[in-house]
mmCIF file of all heavy atoms, coordinates in Angstrom:
data_MODEL
# 
_entry.id   MODEL 
# 
loop_
_atom_site.group_PDB 
_atom_site.id 
_atom_site.type_symbol 
_atom_site.label_atom_id 
_atom_site.label_alt_id 
_atom_site.label_comp_id 
_atom_site.label_asym_id 
_atom_site.label_entity_id 
_atom_site.label_seq_id 
_atom_site.pdbx_PDB_ins_code 
_atom_site.Cartn_x 
_atom_site.Cartn_y 
_atom_site.Cartn_z 
_atom_site.occupancy 
_atom_site.B_iso_or_equiv 
_atom_site.pdbx_formal_charge 
_atom_site.auth_seq_id 
_atom_site.auth_comp_id 
_atom_site.auth_asym_id 
_atom_site.auth_atom_id 
_atom_site.pdbx_PDB_model_num 
ATOM 1   N N   . THR A 1 1  ? -1.688 11.101  -4.784  1.00 0.00 ? 1  THR A N   1 
ATOM 2   C CA  . THR A 1 1  ? -2.697 10.051  -4.843  1.00 0.00 ? 1  THR A CA  1 
ATOM 3   C C   . THR A 1 1  ? -2.015 8.716   -5.109  1.00 0.00 ? 1  THR A C   1 
ATOM 4   O O   . THR A 1 1  ? -1.388 8.534   -6.152  1.00 0.00 ? 1  THR A O   1 
ATOM 5   C CB  . THR A 1 1  ? -3.725 10.343  -5.949  1.00 0.00 ? 1  THR A CB  1 
ATOM 6   O OG1 . THR A 1 1  ? -4.365 11.598  -5.679  1.00 0.00 ? 1  THR A OG1 1 
ATOM 7   C CG2 . THR A 1 1  ? -4.780 9.247   -6.003  1.00 0.00 ? 1  THR A CG2 1 
ATOM 8   N N   . LEU A 1 2  ? -2.125 7.806   -4.165  1.00 0.00 ? 2  LEU A N   1 
ATOM 9   C CA  . LEU A 1 2  ? -1.461 6.517   -4.283  1.00 0.00 ? 2  LEU A CA  1 
ATOM 10  C C   . LEU A 1 2  ? -2.163 5.657   -5.330  1.00 0.00 ? 2  LEU A C   1 
ATOM 11  O O   . LEU A 1 2  ? -3.394 5.602   -5.377  1.00 0.00 ? 2  LEU A O   1 
ATOM 12  C CB  . LEU A 1 2  ? -1.444 5.796   -2.939  1.00 0.00 ? 2  LEU A CB  1 
ATOM 13  C CG  . LEU A 1 2  ? -0.748 6.553   -1.798  1.00 0.00 ? 2  LEU A CG  1 
ATOM 14  C CD1 . LEU A 1 2  ? -0.846 5.746   -0.512  1.00 0.00 ? 2  LEU A CD1 1 
ATOM 15  C CD2 . LEU A 1 2  ? 0.707  6.831   -2.150  1.00 0.00 ? 2  LEU A CD2 1 
ATOM 16  N N   . PRO A 1 3  ? -1.415 4.936   -6.161  1.00 0.00 ? 3  PRO A N   1 
ATOM 17  C CA  . PRO A 1 3  ? -2.038 4.095   -7.198  1.00 0.00 ? 3  PRO A CA  1 
ATOM 18  C C   . PRO A 1 3  ? -2.599 2.809   -6.601  1.00 0.00 ? 3  PRO A C   1 
ATOM 19  O O   . PRO A 1 3  ? -2.211 2.375   -5.503  1.00 0.00 ? 3  PRO A O   1 
ATOM 20  C CB  . PRO A 1 3  ? -0.875 3.800   -8.140  1.00 0.00 ? 3  PRO A CB  1 
ATOM 21  C CG  . PRO A 1 3  ? 0.330  3.832   -7.256  1.00 0.00 ? 3  PRO A CG  1 
ATOM 22  C CD  . PRO A 1 3  ? 0.058  4.906   -6.233  1.00 0.00 ? 3  PRO A CD  1 
ATOM 23  N N   . ALA A 1 4  ? -3.492 2.194   -7.332  1.00 0.00 ? 4  ALA A N   1 
ATOM 24  C CA  . ALA A 1 4  ? -3.980 0.867   -6.956  1.00 0.00 ? 4  ALA A CA  1 
ATOM 25  C C   . ALA A 1 4  ? -2.933 -0.158  -7.385  1.00 0.00 ? 4  ALA A C   1 
ATOM 26  O O   . ALA A 1 4  ? -2.341 -0.046  -8.454  1.00 0.00 ? 4  ALA A O   1 
ATOM 27  C CB  . ALA A 1 4  ? -5.310 0.579   -7.626  1.00 0.00 ? 4  ALA A CB  1 
ATOM 28  N N   . ALA A 1 5  ? -2.700 -1.141  -6.528  1.00 0.00 ? 5  ALA A N   1 
ATOM 29  C CA  . ALA A 1 5  ? -1.720 -2.184  -6.839  1.00 0.00 ? 5  ALA A CA  1 
ATOM 30  C C   . ALA A 1 5  ? -2.432 -3.507  -7.088  1.00 0.00 ? 5  ALA A C   1 
ATOM 31  O O   . ALA A 1 5  ? -3.484 -3.783  -6.507  1.00 0.00 ? 5  ALA A O   1 
ATOM 32  C CB  . ALA A 1 5  ? -0.727 -2.326  -5.691  1.00 0.00 ? 5  ALA A CB  1 
ATOM 33  N N   . THR A 1 6  ? -1.872 -4.317  -7.967  1.00 0.00 ? 6  THR A N   1 
ATOM 34  C CA  . THR A 1 6  ? -2.469 -5.626  -8.279  1.00 0.00 ? 6  THR A CA  1 
ATOM 35  C C   . THR A 1 6  ? -1.405 -6.707  -8.225  1.00 0.00 ? 6  THR A C   1 
ATOM 36  O O   . THR A 1 6  ? -0.221 -6.449  -8.448  1.00 0.00 ? 6  THR A O   1 
ATOM 37  C CB  . THR A 1 6  ? -3.122 -5.625  -9.670  1.00 0.00 ? 6  THR A CB  1 
ATOM 38  O OG1 . THR A 1 6  ? -2.126 -5.296  -10.664 1.00 0.00 ? 6  THR A OG1 1 
ATOM 39  C CG2 . THR A 1 6  ? -4.250 -4.613  -9.747  1.00 0.00 ? 6  THR A CG2 1 
ATOM 40  N N   . ASN A 1 7  ? -1.863 -7.927  -7.919  1.00 0.00 ? 7  ASN A N   1 
ATOM 41  C CA  . ASN A 1 7  ? -0.999 -9.090  -7.880  1.00 0.00 ? 7  ASN A CA  1 
ATOM 42  C C   . ASN A 1 7  ? -1.868 -10.300 -8.220  1.00 0.00 ? 7  ASN A C   1 
ATOM 43  O O   . ASN A 1 7  ? -2.937 -10.473 -7.626  1.00 0.00 ? 7  ASN A O   1 
ATOM 44  C CB  . ASN A 1 7  ? -0.358 -9.248  -6.495  1.00 0.00 ? 7  ASN A CB  1 
ATOM 45  C CG  . ASN A 1 7  ? 0.704  -10.324 -6.446  1.00 0.00 ? 7  ASN A CG  1 
ATOM 46  O OD1 . ASN A 1 7  ? 0.498  -11.440 -6.900  1.00 0.00 ? 7  ASN A OD1 1 
ATOM 47  N ND2 . ASN A 1 7  ? 1.857  -9.984  -5.882  1.00 0.00 ? 7  ASN A ND2 1 
ATOM 48  N N   . VAL A 1 8  ? -1.431 -11.124 -9.170  1.00 0.00 ? 8  VAL A N   1 
ATOM 49  C CA  . VAL A 1 8  ? -2.282 -12.222 -9.629  1.00 0.00 ? 8  VAL A CA  1 
ATOM 50  C C   . VAL A 1 8  ? -2.528 -13.256 -8.542  1.00 0.00 ? 8  VAL A C   1 
ATOM 51  O O   . VAL A 1 8  ? -3.504 -14.013 -8.597  1.00 0.00 ? 8  VAL A O   1 
ATOM 52  C CB  . VAL A 1 8  ? -1.662 -12.913 -10.864 1.00 0.00 ? 8  VAL A CB  1 
ATOM 53  C CG1 . VAL A 1 8  ? -1.637 -11.973 -12.051 1.00 0.00 ? 8  VAL A CG1 1 
ATOM 54  C CG2 . VAL A 1 8  ? -0.253 -13.431 -10.562 1.00 0.00 ? 8  VAL A CG2 1 
ATOM 55  N N   . ASN A 1 9  ? -1.685 -13.291 -7.523  1.00 0.00 ? 9  ASN A N   1 
ATOM 56  C CA  . ASN A 1 9  ? -1.811 -14.318 -6.489  1.00 0.00 ? 9  ASN A CA  1 
ATOM 57  C C   . ASN A 1 9  ? -2.299 -13.797 -5.141  1.00 0.00 ? 9  ASN A C   1 
ATOM 58  O O   . ASN A 1 9  ? -2.671 -14.601 -4.285  1.00 0.00 ? 9  ASN A O   1 
ATOM 59  C CB  . ASN A 1 9  ? -0.459 -15.018 -6.282  1.00 0.00 ? 9  ASN A CB  1 
ATOM 60  C CG  . ASN A 1 9  ? 0.016  -15.750 -7.514  1.00 0.00 ? 9  ASN A CG  1 
ATOM 61  O OD1 . ASN A 1 9  ? -0.748 -16.480 -8.132  1.00 0.00 ? 9  ASN A OD1 1 
ATOM 62  N ND2 . ASN A 1 9  ? 1.267  -15.544 -7.886  1.00 0.00 ? 9  ASN A ND2 1 
ATOM 63  N N   . TYR A 1 10 ? -2.294 -12.480 -4.947  1.00 0.00 ? 10 TYR A N   1 
ATOM 64  C CA  . TYR A 1 10 ? -2.613 -11.935 -3.629  1.00 0.00 ? 10 TYR A CA  1 
ATOM 65  C C   . TYR A 1 10 ? -3.511 -10.711 -3.752  1.00 0.00 ? 10 TYR A C   1 
ATOM 66  O O   . TYR A 1 10 ? -3.593 -10.072 -4.799  1.00 0.00 ? 10 TYR A O   1 
ATOM 67  C CB  . TYR A 1 10 ? -1.330 -11.539 -2.878  1.00 0.00 ? 10 TYR A CB  1 
ATOM 68  C CG  . TYR A 1 10 ? -0.342 -12.663 -2.716  1.00 0.00 ? 10 TYR A CG  1 
ATOM 69  C CD1 . TYR A 1 10 ? 0.745  -12.792 -3.597  1.00 0.00 ? 10 TYR A CD1 1 
ATOM 70  C CD2 . TYR A 1 10 ? -0.479 -13.604 -1.713  1.00 0.00 ? 10 TYR A CD2 1 
ATOM 71  C CE1 . TYR A 1 10 ? 1.661  -13.826 -3.455  1.00 0.00 ? 10 TYR A CE1 1 
ATOM 72  C CE2 . TYR A 1 10 ? 0.428  -14.634 -1.553  1.00 0.00 ? 10 TYR A CE2 1 
ATOM 73  C CZ  . TYR A 1 10 ? 1.495  -14.739 -2.431  1.00 0.00 ? 10 TYR A CZ  1 
ATOM 74  O OH  . TYR A 1 10 ? 2.395  -15.762 -2.295  1.00 0.00 ? 10 TYR A OH  1 
ATOM 75  N N   . ALA A 1 11 ? -4.154 -10.395 -2.629  1.00 0.00 ? 11 ALA A N   1 
ATOM 76  C CA  . ALA A 1 11 ? -4.973 -9.183  -2.549  1.00 0.00 ? 11 ALA A CA  1 
ATOM 77  C C   . ALA A 1 11 ? -4.143 -8.064  -1.927  1.00 0.00 ? 11 ALA A C   1 
ATOM 78  O O   . ALA A 1 11 ? -3.348 -8.303  -1.006  1.00 0.00 ? 11 ALA A O   1 
ATOM 79  C CB  . ALA A 1 11 ? -6.217 -9.444  -1.705  1.00 0.00 ? 11 ALA A CB  1 
ATOM 80  N N   . HIS A 1 12 ? -4.342 -6.858  -2.434  1.00 0.00 ? 12 HIS A N   1 
ATOM 81  C CA  . HIS A 1 12 ? -3.591 -5.709  -1.911  1.00 0.00 ? 12 HIS A CA  1 
ATOM 82  C C   . HIS A 1 12 ? -4.222 -5.240  -0.607  1.00 0.00 ? 12 HIS A C   1 
ATOM 83  O O   . HIS A 1 12 ? -5.376 -4.820  -0.572  1.00 0.00 ? 12 HIS A O   1 
ATOM 84  C CB  . HIS A 1 12 ? -3.600 -4.580  -2.941  1.00 0.00 ? 12 HIS A CB  1 
ATOM 85  C CG  . HIS A 1 12 ? -2.764 -3.412  -2.555  1.00 0.00 ? 12 HIS A CG  1 
ATOM 86  N ND1 . HIS A 1 12 ? -3.103 -2.119  -2.878  1.00 0.00 ? 12 HIS A ND1 1 
ATOM 87  C CD2 . HIS A 1 12 ? -1.601 -3.332  -1.852  1.00 0.00 ? 12 HIS A CD2 1 
ATOM 88  C CE1 . HIS A 1 12 ? -2.192 -1.297  -2.410  1.00 0.00 ? 12 HIS A CE1 1 
ATOM 89  N NE2 . HIS A 1 12 ? -1.267 -2.016  -1.792  1.00 0.00 ? 12 HIS A NE2 1 
ATOM 90  N N   . LEU A 1 13 ? -3.435 -5.295  0.471   1.00 0.00 ? 13 LEU A N   1 
ATOM 91  C CA  . LEU A 1 13 ? -3.930 -4.848  1.773   1.00 0.00 ? 13 LEU A CA  1 
ATOM 92  C C   . LEU A 1 13 ? -3.809 -3.350  1.940   1.00 0.00 ? 13 LEU A C   1 
ATOM 93  O O   . LEU A 1 13 ? -4.756 -2.667  2.332   1.00 0.00 ? 13 LEU A O   1 
ATOM 94  C CB  . LEU A 1 13 ? -3.145 -5.559  2.892   1.00 0.00 ? 13 LEU A CB  1 
ATOM 95  C CG  . LEU A 1 13 ? -3.413 -7.040  3.108   1.00 0.00 ? 13 LEU A CG  1 
ATOM 96  C CD1 . LEU A 1 13 ? -2.510 -7.572  4.209   1.00 0.00 ? 13 LEU A CD1 1 
ATOM 97  C CD2 . LEU A 1 13 ? -4.879 -7.269  3.455   1.00 0.00 ? 13 LEU A CD2 1 
ATOM 98  N N   . ALA A 1 14 ? -2.603 -2.844  1.668   1.00 0.00 ? 14 ALA A N   1 
ATOM 99  C CA  . ALA A 1 14 ? -2.343 -1.416  1.900   1.00 0.00 ? 14 ALA A CA  1 
ATOM 100 C C   . ALA A 1 14 ? -0.963 -1.078  1.367   1.00 0.00 ? 14 ALA A C   1 
ATOM 101 O O   . ALA A 1 14 ? -0.187 -1.961  0.967   1.00 0.00 ? 14 ALA A O   1 
ATOM 102 C CB  . ALA A 1 14 ? -2.422 -1.105  3.390   1.00 0.00 ? 14 ALA A CB  1 
ATOM 103 N N   . TRP A 1 15 ? -0.653 0.211   1.374   1.00 0.00 ? 15 TRP A N   1 
ATOM 104 C CA  . TRP A 1 15 ? 0.711  0.674   1.170   1.00 0.00 ? 15 TRP A CA  1 
ATOM 105 C C   . TRP A 1 15 ? 1.323  0.908   2.549   1.00 0.00 ? 15 TRP A C   1 
ATOM 106 O O   . TRP A 1 15 ? 0.671  1.453   3.433   1.00 0.00 ? 15 TRP A O   1 
ATOM 107 C CB  . TRP A 1 15 ? 0.748  1.963   0.358   1.00 0.00 ? 15 TRP A CB  1 
ATOM 108 C CG  . TRP A 1 15 ? 0.357  1.804   -1.076  1.00 0.00 ? 15 TRP A CG  1 
ATOM 109 C CD1 . TRP A 1 15 ? -0.824 2.144   -1.646  1.00 0.00 ? 15 TRP A CD1 1 
ATOM 110 C CD2 . TRP A 1 15 ? 1.163  1.255   -2.128  1.00 0.00 ? 15 TRP A CD2 1 
ATOM 111 N NE1 . TRP A 1 15 ? -0.824 1.841   -2.983  1.00 0.00 ? 15 TRP A NE1 1 
ATOM 112 C CE2 . TRP A 1 15 ? 0.391  1.299   -3.318  1.00 0.00 ? 15 TRP A CE2 1 
ATOM 113 C CE3 . TRP A 1 15 ? 2.450  0.733   -2.181  1.00 0.00 ? 15 TRP A CE3 1 
ATOM 114 C CZ2 . TRP A 1 15 ? 0.875  0.842   -4.536  1.00 0.00 ? 15 TRP A CZ2 1 
ATOM 115 C CZ3 . TRP A 1 15 ? 2.935  0.274   -3.402  1.00 0.00 ? 15 TRP A CZ3 1 
ATOM 116 C CH2 . TRP A 1 15 ? 2.154  0.334   -4.564  1.00 0.00 ? 15 TRP A CH2 1 
ATOM 117 N N   . ALA A 1 16 ? 2.565  0.476   2.731   1.00 0.00 ? 16 ALA A N   1 
ATOM 118 C CA  . ALA A 1 16 ? 3.246  0.645   4.013   1.00 0.00 ? 16 ALA A CA  1 
ATOM 119 C C   . ALA A 1 16 ? 4.432  1.578   3.837   1.00 0.00 ? 16 ALA A C   1 
ATOM 120 O O   . ALA A 1 16 ? 5.090  1.579   2.792   1.00 0.00 ? 16 ALA A O   1 
ATOM 121 C CB  . ALA A 1 16 ? 3.715  -0.699  4.548   1.00 0.00 ? 16 ALA A CB  1 
ATOM 122 N N   . GLN A 1 17 ? 4.712  2.343   4.862   1.00 0.00 ? 17 GLN A N   1 
ATOM 123 C CA  . GLN A 1 17 ? 5.809  3.304   4.798   1.00 0.00 ? 17 GLN A CA  1 
ATOM 124 C C   . GLN A 1 17 ? 7.109  2.641   5.243   1.00 0.00 ? 17 GLN A C   1 
ATOM 125 O O   . GLN A 1 17 ? 7.178  2.037   6.305   1.00 0.00 ? 17 GLN A O   1 
ATOM 126 C CB  . GLN A 1 17 ? 5.503  4.505   5.695   1.00 0.00 ? 17 GLN A CB  1 
ATOM 127 C CG  . GLN A 1 17 ? 6.544  5.621   5.612   1.00 0.00 ? 17 GLN A CG  1 
ATOM 128 C CD  . GLN A 1 17 ? 6.113  6.850   6.375   1.00 0.00 ? 17 GLN A CD  1 
ATOM 129 O OE1 . GLN A 1 17 ? 4.952  7.227   6.349   1.00 0.00 ? 17 GLN A OE1 1 
ATOM 130 N NE2 . GLN A 1 17 ? 7.044  7.476   7.065   1.00 0.00 ? 17 GLN A NE2 1 
ATOM 131 N N   . GLY A 1 18 ? 8.133  2.731   4.396   1.00 0.00 ? 18 GLY A N   1 
ATOM 132 C CA  . GLY A 1 18 ? 9.454  2.209   4.736   1.00 0.00 ? 18 GLY A CA  1 
ATOM 133 C C   . GLY A 1 18 ? 9.665  0.781   4.290   1.00 0.00 ? 18 GLY A C   1 
ATOM 134 O O   . GLY A 1 18 ? 10.552 0.496   3.489   1.00 0.00 ? 18 GLY A O   1 
ATOM 135 N N   . ASP A 1 19 ? 8.879  -0.157  4.815   1.00 0.00 ? 19 ASP A N   1 
ATOM 136 C CA  . ASP A 1 19 ? 8.939  -1.559  4.414   1.00 0.00 ? 19 ASP A CA  1 
ATOM 137 C C   . ASP A 1 19 ? 7.597  -2.199  4.747   1.00 0.00 ? 19 ASP A C   1 
ATOM 138 O O   . ASP A 1 19 ? 6.693  -1.523  5.254   1.00 0.00 ? 19 ASP A O   1 
ATOM 139 C CB  . ASP A 1 19 ? 10.110 -2.295  5.072   1.00 0.00 ? 19 ASP A CB  1 
ATOM 140 C CG  . ASP A 1 19 ? 10.071 -2.221  6.595   1.00 0.00 ? 19 ASP A CG  1 
ATOM 141 O OD1 . ASP A 1 19 ? 8.984  -2.380  7.189   1.00 0.00 ? 19 ASP A OD1 1 
ATOM 142 O OD2 . ASP A 1 19 ? 11.138 -2.015  7.200   1.00 0.00 ? 19 ASP A OD2 1 
ATOM 143 N N   . ILE A 1 20 ? 7.472  -3.507  4.511   1.00 0.00 ? 20 ILE A N   1 
ATOM 144 C CA  . ILE A 1 20 ? 6.169  -4.141  4.694   1.00 0.00 ? 20 ILE A CA  1 
ATOM 145 C C   . ILE A 1 20 ? 5.741  -4.174  6.160   1.00 0.00 ? 20 ILE A C   1 
ATOM 146 O O   . ILE A 1 20 ? 4.576  -4.404  6.459   1.00 0.00 ? 20 ILE A O   1 
ATOM 147 C CB  . ILE A 1 20 ? 6.158  -5.573  4.123   1.00 0.00 ? 20 ILE A CB  1 
ATOM 148 C CG1 . ILE A 1 20 ? 7.232  -6.445  4.800   1.00 0.00 ? 20 ILE A CG1 1 
ATOM 149 C CG2 . ILE A 1 20 ? 6.346  -5.554  2.617   1.00 0.00 ? 20 ILE A CG2 1 
ATOM 150 C CD1 . ILE A 1 20 ? 7.147  -7.902  4.407   1.00 0.00 ? 20 ILE A CD1 1 
ATOM 151 N N   . ASN A 1 21 ? 6.683  -3.936  7.051   1.00 0.00 ? 21 ASN A N   1 
ATOM 152 C CA  . ASN A 1 21 ? 6.340  -3.889  8.481   1.00 0.00 ? 21 ASN A CA  1 
ATOM 153 C C   . ASN A 1 21 ? 6.069  -2.472  8.957   1.00 0.00 ? 21 ASN A C   1 
ATOM 154 O O   . ASN A 1 21 ? 5.782  -2.261  10.142  1.00 0.00 ? 21 ASN A O   1 
ATOM 155 C CB  . ASN A 1 21 ? 7.473  -4.504  9.309   1.00 0.00 ? 21 ASN A CB  1 
ATOM 156 C CG  . ASN A 1 21 ? 7.693  -5.974  8.992   1.00 0.00 ? 21 ASN A CG  1 
ATOM 157 O OD1 . ASN A 1 21 ? 6.737  -6.735  8.921   1.00 0.00 ? 21 ASN A OD1 1 
ATOM 158 N ND2 . ASN A 1 21 ? 8.945  -6.356  8.779   1.00 0.00 ? 21 ASN A ND2 1 
ATOM 159 N N   . GLY A 1 22 ? 6.162  -1.518  8.044   1.00 0.00 ? 22 GLY A N   1 
ATOM 160 C CA  . GLY A 1 22 ? 5.922  -0.132  8.418   1.00 0.00 ? 22 GLY A CA  1 
ATOM 161 C C   . GLY A 1 22 ? 4.449  0.176   8.562   1.00 0.00 ? 22 GLY A C   1 
ATOM 162 O O   . GLY A 1 22 ? 3.575  -0.639  8.248   1.00 0.00 ? 22 GLY A O   1 
ATOM 163 N N   . ALA A 1 23 ? 4.179  1.371   9.012   1.00 0.00 ? 23 ALA A N   1 
ATOM 164 C CA  . ALA A 1 23 ? 2.796  1.804   9.224   1.00 0.00 ? 23 ALA A CA  1 
ATOM 165 C C   . ALA A 1 23 ? 2.070  1.912   7.896   1.00 0.00 ? 23 ALA A C   1 
ATOM 166 O O   . ALA A 1 23 ? 2.629  2.386   6.898   1.00 0.00 ? 23 ALA A O   1 
ATOM 167 C CB  . ALA A 1 23 ? 2.771  3.142   9.940   1.00 0.00 ? 23 ALA A CB  1 
ATOM 168 N N   . SER A 1 24 ? 0.816  1.447   7.865   1.00 0.00 ? 24 SER A N   1 
ATOM 169 C CA  . SER A 1 24 ? -0.002 1.564   6.653   1.00 0.00 ? 24 SER A CA  1 
ATOM 170 C C   . SER A 1 24 ? -0.381 3.015   6.442   1.00 0.00 ? 24 SER A C   1 
ATOM 171 O O   . SER A 1 24 ? -0.633 3.763   7.398   1.00 0.00 ? 24 SER A O   1 
ATOM 172 C CB  . SER A 1 24 ? -1.256 0.702   6.773   1.00 0.00 ? 24 SER A CB  1 
ATOM 173 O OG  . SER A 1 24 ? -0.919 -0.665  6.852   1.00 0.00 ? 24 SER A OG  1 
ATOM 174 N N   . ILE A 1 25 ? -0.413 3.441   5.187   1.00 0.00 ? 25 ILE A N   1 
ATOM 175 C CA  . ILE A 1 25 ? -0.769 4.816   4.870   1.00 0.00 ? 25 ILE A CA  1 
ATOM 176 C C   . ILE A 1 25 ? -1.965 4.797   3.914   1.00 0.00 ? 25 ILE A C   1 
ATOM 177 O O   . ILE A 1 25 ? -2.226 3.802   3.243   1.00 0.00 ? 25 ILE A O   1 
ATOM 178 C CB  . ILE A 1 25 ? 0.408  5.583   4.242   1.00 0.00 ? 25 ILE A CB  1 
ATOM 179 C CG1 . ILE A 1 25 ? 0.891  4.879   2.961   1.00 0.00 ? 25 ILE A CG1 1 
ATOM 180 C CG2 . ILE A 1 25 ? 1.549  5.712   5.237   1.00 0.00 ? 25 ILE A CG2 1 
ATOM 181 C CD1 . ILE A 1 25 ? 1.992  5.618   2.244   1.00 0.00 ? 25 ILE A CD1 1 
ATOM 182 N N   . THR A 1 26 ? -2.669 5.887   3.878   1.00 0.00 ? 26 THR A N   1 
ATOM 183 C CA  . THR A 1 26 ? -3.852 5.988   3.034   1.00 0.00 ? 26 THR A CA  1 
ATOM 184 C C   . THR A 1 26 ? -3.663 7.076   1.991   1.00 0.00 ? 26 THR A C   1 
ATOM 185 O O   . THR A 1 26 ? -2.790 7.936   2.111   1.00 0.00 ? 26 THR A O   1 
ATOM 186 C CB  . THR A 1 26 ? -5.099 6.301   3.878   1.00 0.00 ? 26 THR A CB  1 
ATOM 187 O OG1 . THR A 1 26 ? -4.878 7.525   4.601   1.00 0.00 ? 26 THR A OG1 1 
ATOM 188 C CG2 . THR A 1 26 ? -5.385 5.174   4.861   1.00 0.00 ? 26 THR A CG2 1 
ATOM 189 N N   . SER A 1 27 ? -4.472 7.010   0.974   1.00 0.00 ? 27 SER A N   1 
ATOM 190 C CA  . SER A 1 27 ? -4.431 7.989   -0.114  1.00 0.00 ? 27 SER A CA  1 
ATOM 191 C C   . SER A 1 27 ? -5.570 8.990   0.059   1.00 0.00 ? 27 SER A C   1 
ATOM 192 O O   . SER A 1 27 ? -6.671 8.621   0.485   1.00 0.00 ? 27 SER A O   1 
ATOM 193 C CB  . SER A 1 27 ? -4.576 7.279   -1.452  1.00 0.00 ? 27 SER A CB  1 
ATOM 194 O OG  . SER A 1 27 ? -4.449 8.163   -2.528  1.00 0.00 ? 27 SER A OG  1 
ATOM 195 N N   . PRO A 1 28 ? -5.292 10.278  -0.226  1.00 0.00 ? 28 PRO A N   1 
ATOM 196 C CA  . PRO A 1 28 ? -4.021 10.869  -0.678  1.00 0.00 ? 28 PRO A CA  1 
ATOM 197 C C   . PRO A 1 28 ? -3.019 10.972  0.469   1.00 0.00 ? 28 PRO A C   1 
ATOM 198 O O   . PRO A 1 28 ? -3.394 11.106  1.628   1.00 0.00 ? 28 PRO A O   1 
ATOM 199 C CB  . PRO A 1 28 ? -4.438 12.243  -1.192  1.00 0.00 ? 28 PRO A CB  1 
ATOM 200 C CG  . PRO A 1 28 ? -5.656 12.578  -0.397  1.00 0.00 ? 28 PRO A CG  1 
ATOM 201 C CD  . PRO A 1 28 ? -6.386 11.279  -0.180  1.00 0.00 ? 28 PRO A CD  1 
ATOM 202 N N   . TYR A 1 29 ? -1.742 10.905  0.094   1.00 0.00 ? 29 TYR A N   1 
ATOM 203 C CA  . TYR A 1 29 ? -0.658 10.854  1.080   1.00 0.00 ? 29 TYR A CA  1 
ATOM 204 C C   . TYR A 1 29 ? 0.194  12.107  0.936   1.00 0.00 ? 29 TYR A C   1 
ATOM 205 O O   . TYR A 1 29 ? 0.647  12.446  -0.156  1.00 0.00 ? 29 TYR A O   1 
ATOM 206 C CB  . TYR A 1 29 ? 0.180  9.603   0.834   1.00 0.00 ? 29 TYR A CB  1 
ATOM 207 C CG  . TYR A 1 29 ? 1.428  9.499   1.672   1.00 0.00 ? 29 TYR A CG  1 
ATOM 208 C CD1 . TYR A 1 29 ? 1.350  9.335   3.050   1.00 0.00 ? 29 TYR A CD1 1 
ATOM 209 C CD2 . TYR A 1 29 ? 2.689  9.544   1.076   1.00 0.00 ? 29 TYR A CD2 1 
ATOM 210 C CE1 . TYR A 1 29 ? 2.493  9.224   3.823   1.00 0.00 ? 29 TYR A CE1 1 
ATOM 211 C CE2 . TYR A 1 29 ? 3.839  9.424   1.836   1.00 0.00 ? 29 TYR A CE2 1 
ATOM 212 C CZ  . TYR A 1 29 ? 3.732  9.269   3.208   1.00 0.00 ? 29 TYR A CZ  1 
ATOM 213 O OH  . TYR A 1 29 ? 4.865  9.153   3.968   1.00 0.00 ? 29 TYR A OH  1 
ATOM 214 N N   . GLN A 1 30 ? 0.434  12.796  2.050   1.00 0.00 ? 30 GLN A N   1 
ATOM 215 C CA  . GLN A 1 30 ? 1.257  14.007  2.019   1.00 0.00 ? 30 GLN A CA  1 
ATOM 216 C C   . GLN A 1 30 ? 2.724  13.613  2.195   1.00 0.00 ? 30 GLN A C   1 
ATOM 217 O O   . GLN A 1 30 ? 3.112  13.043  3.219   1.00 0.00 ? 30 GLN A O   1 
ATOM 218 C CB  . GLN A 1 30 ? 0.848  14.995  3.112   1.00 0.00 ? 30 GLN A CB  1 
ATOM 219 C CG  . GLN A 1 30 ? 1.562  16.338  2.977   1.00 0.00 ? 30 GLN A CG  1 
ATOM 220 C CD  . GLN A 1 30 ? 1.063  17.363  3.982   1.00 0.00 ? 30 GLN A CD  1 
ATOM 221 O OE1 . GLN A 1 30 ? 0.683  17.018  5.093   1.00 0.00 ? 30 GLN A OE1 1 
ATOM 222 N NE2 . GLN A 1 30 ? 1.063  18.635  3.591   1.00 0.00 ? 30 GLN A NE2 1 
# 
């Protein structure tokens, strides 16, 4: 289960695999 991420200046779009240009993944993640 992927955690929620926070940033005081930005909104969290998604978790990406590998780097910020990688494919977005959803929770739960295998």
